[in-house]
Amino acid sequence: MTTCGEMRHRATVQARTVSQDAFGAFTQSWSTETTRWCRLEPLSAREVFQAQQVQADISHRITMRFLDGLSTQHRIIIDSNTYEVASVVNPDSRKRFHVALVIERE
């Protein structure tokens, strides 16, 4: 399991907001929910293969303290790199940590 000392990346968690303008067009924007420390790990070739059985393009795993409501409607920004959340698990079901499989976006 991850220790606090391994969480050395500062992550900004943002939530997606979709709004409709006066002409009926939908606009997507992002709002910052929180900033916290996390562990960022590139996946090994084997892990990438297993992750891609669920969804293609998964490239990293991010571990952070439990964040109530974290979902695929969020993105995580670390060192000016943007990661789209593809899946989130609470590995020990004790609400201590979240592990997110993410897709790096440009």
C-alpha atoms as a PDB file:
ATOM      1  CA  MET A   1       0.000   0.000   0.000  1.00  0.00           C
ATOM      2  CA  THR A   2       1.100   3.544  -0.589  1.00  0.00           C
ATOM      3  CA  THR A   3       2.644   5.522   2.240  1.00  0.00           C
ATOM      4  CA  CYS A   4       2.392   9.267   2.700  1.00  0.00           C
ATOM      5  CA  GLY A   5       6.100   9.624   1.878  1.00  0.00           C
ATOM      6  CA  GLU A   6       5.494   8.233  -1.617  1.00  0.00           C
ATOM      7  CA  MET A   7       2.918  10.941  -2.336  1.00  0.00           C
ATOM      8  CA  ARG A   8       5.257  13.602  -3.668  1.00  0.00           C
ATOM      9  CA  HIS A   9       3.258  15.066  -6.550  1.00  0.00           C
ATOM     10  CA  ARG A  10       0.867  17.975  -6.026  1.00  0.00           C
ATOM     11  CA  ALA A  11      -2.410  17.232  -7.815  1.00  0.00           C
ATOM     12  CA  THR A  12      -5.254  19.579  -8.660  1.00  0.00           C
ATOM     13  CA  VAL A  13      -8.579  17.758  -8.951  1.00  0.00           C
ATOM     14  CA  GLN A  14     -11.082  19.435 -11.238  1.00  0.00           C
ATOM     15  CA  ALA A  15     -14.754  18.649 -11.885  1.00  0.00           C
ATOM     16  CA  ARG A  16     -16.448  18.929 -15.258  1.00  0.00           C
ATOM     17  CA  THR A  17     -19.338  21.373 -15.561  1.00  0.00           C
ATOM     18  CA  VAL A  18     -21.582  21.439 -18.616  1.00  0.00           C
ATOM     19  CA  SER A  19     -23.825  24.435 -19.190  1.00  0.00           C
ATOM     20  CA  GLN A  20     -26.161  25.504 -21.952  1.00  0.00           C
ATOM     21  CA  ASP A  21     -26.037  28.986 -23.456  1.00  0.00           C
ATOM     22  CA  ALA A  22     -28.978  31.087 -24.733  1.00  0.00           C
ATOM     23  CA  PHE A  23     -28.653  29.514 -28.198  1.00  0.00           C
ATOM     24  CA  GLY A  24     -28.872  25.941 -26.871  1.00  0.00           C
ATOM     25  CA  ALA A  25     -25.201  25.092 -27.348  1.00  0.00           C
ATOM     26  CA  PHE A  26     -23.495  23.131 -24.574  1.00  0.00           C
ATOM     27  CA  THR A  27     -20.243  24.414 -23.113  1.00  0.00           C
ATOM     28  CA  GLN A  28     -17.851  22.381 -20.984  1.00  0.00           C
ATOM     29  CA  SER A  29     -15.747  24.007 -18.291  1.00  0.00           C
ATOM     30  CA  TRP A  30     -13.634  22.817 -15.371  1.00  0.00           C
ATOM     31  CA  SER A  31     -13.649  23.992 -11.770  1.00  0.00           C
ATOM     32  CA  THR A  32     -11.036  23.140  -9.151  1.00  0.00           C
ATOM     33  CA  GLU A  33     -12.409  21.083  -6.275  1.00  0.00           C
ATOM     34  CA  THR A  34      -9.259  20.449  -4.278  1.00  0.00           C
ATOM     35  CA  THR A  35      -5.494  20.216  -4.350  1.00  0.00           C
ATOM     36  CA  ARG A  36      -3.730  17.351  -2.601  1.00  0.00           C
ATOM     37  CA  TRP A  37      -0.619  15.196  -2.602  1.00  0.00           C
ATOM     38  CA  CYS A  38      -0.588  12.014  -4.666  1.00  0.00           C
ATOM     39  CA  ARG A  39       1.573   9.260  -6.086  1.00  0.00           C
ATOM     40  CA  LEU A  40       1.853   9.215  -9.885  1.00  0.00           C
ATOM     41  CA  GLU A  41       3.037   5.981 -11.504  1.00  0.00           C
ATOM     42  CA  PRO A  42       3.397   5.164 -15.192  1.00  0.00           C
ATOM     43  CA  LEU A  43       1.978   1.708 -15.797  1.00  0.00           C
ATOM     44  CA  SER A  44       4.212  -1.178 -16.814  1.00  0.00           C
ATOM     45  CA  ALA A  45       3.587  -2.860 -20.168  1.00  0.00           C
ATOM     46  CA  ARG A  46       1.716  -5.696 -18.457  1.00  0.00           C
ATOM     47  CA  GLU A  47      -0.420  -3.298 -16.413  1.00  0.00           C
ATOM     48  CA  VAL A  48      -1.186  -1.247 -19.525  1.00  0.00           C
ATOM     49  CA  PHE A  49      -2.347  -4.407 -21.300  1.00  0.00           C
ATOM     50  CA  GLN A  50      -4.600  -5.358 -18.367  1.00  0.00           C
ATOM     51  CA  ALA A  51      -5.956  -1.816 -18.013  1.00  0.00           C
ATOM     52  CA  GLN A  52      -6.682  -1.595 -21.714  1.00  0.00           C
ATOM     53  CA  GLN A  53      -8.947  -4.612 -21.390  1.00  0.00           C
ATOM     54  CA  VAL A  54     -11.252  -2.138 -19.637  1.00  0.00           C
ATOM     55  CA  GLN A  55     -10.435   1.000 -21.654  1.00  0.00           C
ATOM     56  CA  ALA A  56      -7.811   1.849 -24.235  1.00  0.00           C
ATOM     57  CA  ASP A  57      -5.117   4.491 -23.687  1.00  0.00           C
ATOM     58  CA  ILE A  58      -4.778   4.138 -19.898  1.00  0.00           C
ATOM     59  CA  SER A  59      -1.243   5.273 -19.123  1.00  0.00           C
ATOM     60  CA  HIS A  60      -0.839   6.025 -15.401  1.00  0.00           C
ATOM     61  CA  ARG A  61      -2.072   5.174 -11.945  1.00  0.00           C
ATOM     62  CA  ILE A  62      -2.670   7.958  -9.411  1.00  0.00           C
ATOM     63  CA  THR A  63      -3.019   7.149  -5.718  1.00  0.00           C
ATOM     64  CA  MET A  64      -4.298   9.788  -3.301  1.00  0.00           C
ATOM     65  CA  ARG A  65      -6.080  10.065   0.004  1.00  0.00           C
ATOM     66  CA  PHE A  66      -9.772   9.240  -0.280  1.00  0.00           C
ATOM     67  CA  LEU A  67     -11.789  11.986  -1.966  1.00  0.00           C
ATOM     68  CA  ASP A  68     -15.519  11.560  -1.596  1.00  0.00           C
ATOM     69  CA  GLY A  69     -17.228  11.775  -4.986  1.00  0.00           C
ATOM     70  CA  LEU A  70     -14.129  11.263  -7.176  1.00  0.00           C
ATOM     71  CA  SER A  71     -15.354   9.853 -10.504  1.00  0.00           C
ATOM     72  CA  THR A  72     -14.821   9.767 -14.249  1.00  0.00           C
ATOM     73  CA  GLN A  73     -16.316  13.273 -14.350  1.00  0.00           C
ATOM     74  CA  HIS A  74     -13.040  14.586 -12.936  1.00  0.00           C
ATOM     75  CA  ARG A  75      -9.594  15.301 -14.288  1.00  0.00           C
ATOM     76  CA  ILE A  76      -6.312  15.611 -12.416  1.00  0.00           C
ATOM     77  CA  ILE A  77      -3.567  18.092 -13.228  1.00  0.00           C
ATOM     78  CA  ILE A  78      -0.007  17.367 -12.102  1.00  0.00           C
ATOM     79  CA  ASP A  79       2.974  19.491 -13.169  1.00  0.00           C
ATOM     80  CA  SER A  80       0.975  21.039 -16.041  1.00  0.00           C
ATOM     81  CA  ASN A  81       0.054  17.562 -17.362  1.00  0.00           C
ATOM     82  CA  THR A  82      -3.641  16.728 -17.572  1.00  0.00           C
ATOM     83  CA  TYR A  83      -4.958  13.254 -16.750  1.00  0.00           C
ATOM     84  CA  GLU A  84      -8.522  12.180 -17.508  1.00  0.00           C
ATOM     85  CA  VAL A  85      -9.926   9.795 -14.900  1.00  0.00           C
ATOM     86  CA  ALA A  86     -10.953   6.528 -16.575  1.00  0.00           C
ATOM     87  CA  SER A  87     -11.776   4.559 -13.416  1.00  0.00           C
ATOM     88  CA  VAL A  88     -11.570   4.942  -9.655  1.00  0.00           C
ATOM     89  CA  VAL A  89     -11.328   2.256  -6.974  1.00  0.00           C
ATOM     90  CA  ASN A  90     -11.218   2.274  -3.197  1.00  0.00           C
ATOM     91  CA  PRO A  91      -8.740  -0.634  -2.893  1.00  0.00           C
ATOM     92  CA  ASP A  92      -9.274  -1.665   0.727  1.00  0.00           C
ATOM     93  CA  SER A  93     -12.907  -0.465   1.072  1.00  0.00           C
ATOM     94  CA  ARG A  94     -11.904   1.557   4.130  1.00  0.00           C
ATOM     95  CA  LYS A  95     -12.072   5.000   2.477  1.00  0.00           C
ATOM     96  CA  ARG A  96      -8.385   5.670   3.112  1.00  0.00           C
ATOM     97  CA  PHE A  97      -7.116   5.885  -0.469  1.00  0.00           C
ATOM     98  CA  HIS A  98      -8.389   6.179  -4.015  1.00  0.00           C
ATOM     99  CA  VAL A  99      -6.561   4.642  -6.948  1.00  0.00           C
ATOM    100  CA  ALA A 100      -7.420   6.189 -10.300  1.00  0.00           C
ATOM    101  CA  LEU A 101      -6.454   4.752 -13.668  1.00  0.00           C
ATOM    102  CA  VAL A 102      -5.975   7.745 -15.929  1.00  0.00           C
ATOM    103  CA  ILE A 103      -5.342   8.756 -19.526  1.00  0.00           C
ATOM    104  CA  GLU A 104      -2.764  11.457 -20.156  1.00  0.00           C
ATOM    105  CA  ARG A 105      -4.166  14.236 -22.352  1.00  0.00           C
ATOM    106  CA  GLU A 106      -2.400  17.077 -24.145  1.00  0.00           C
END
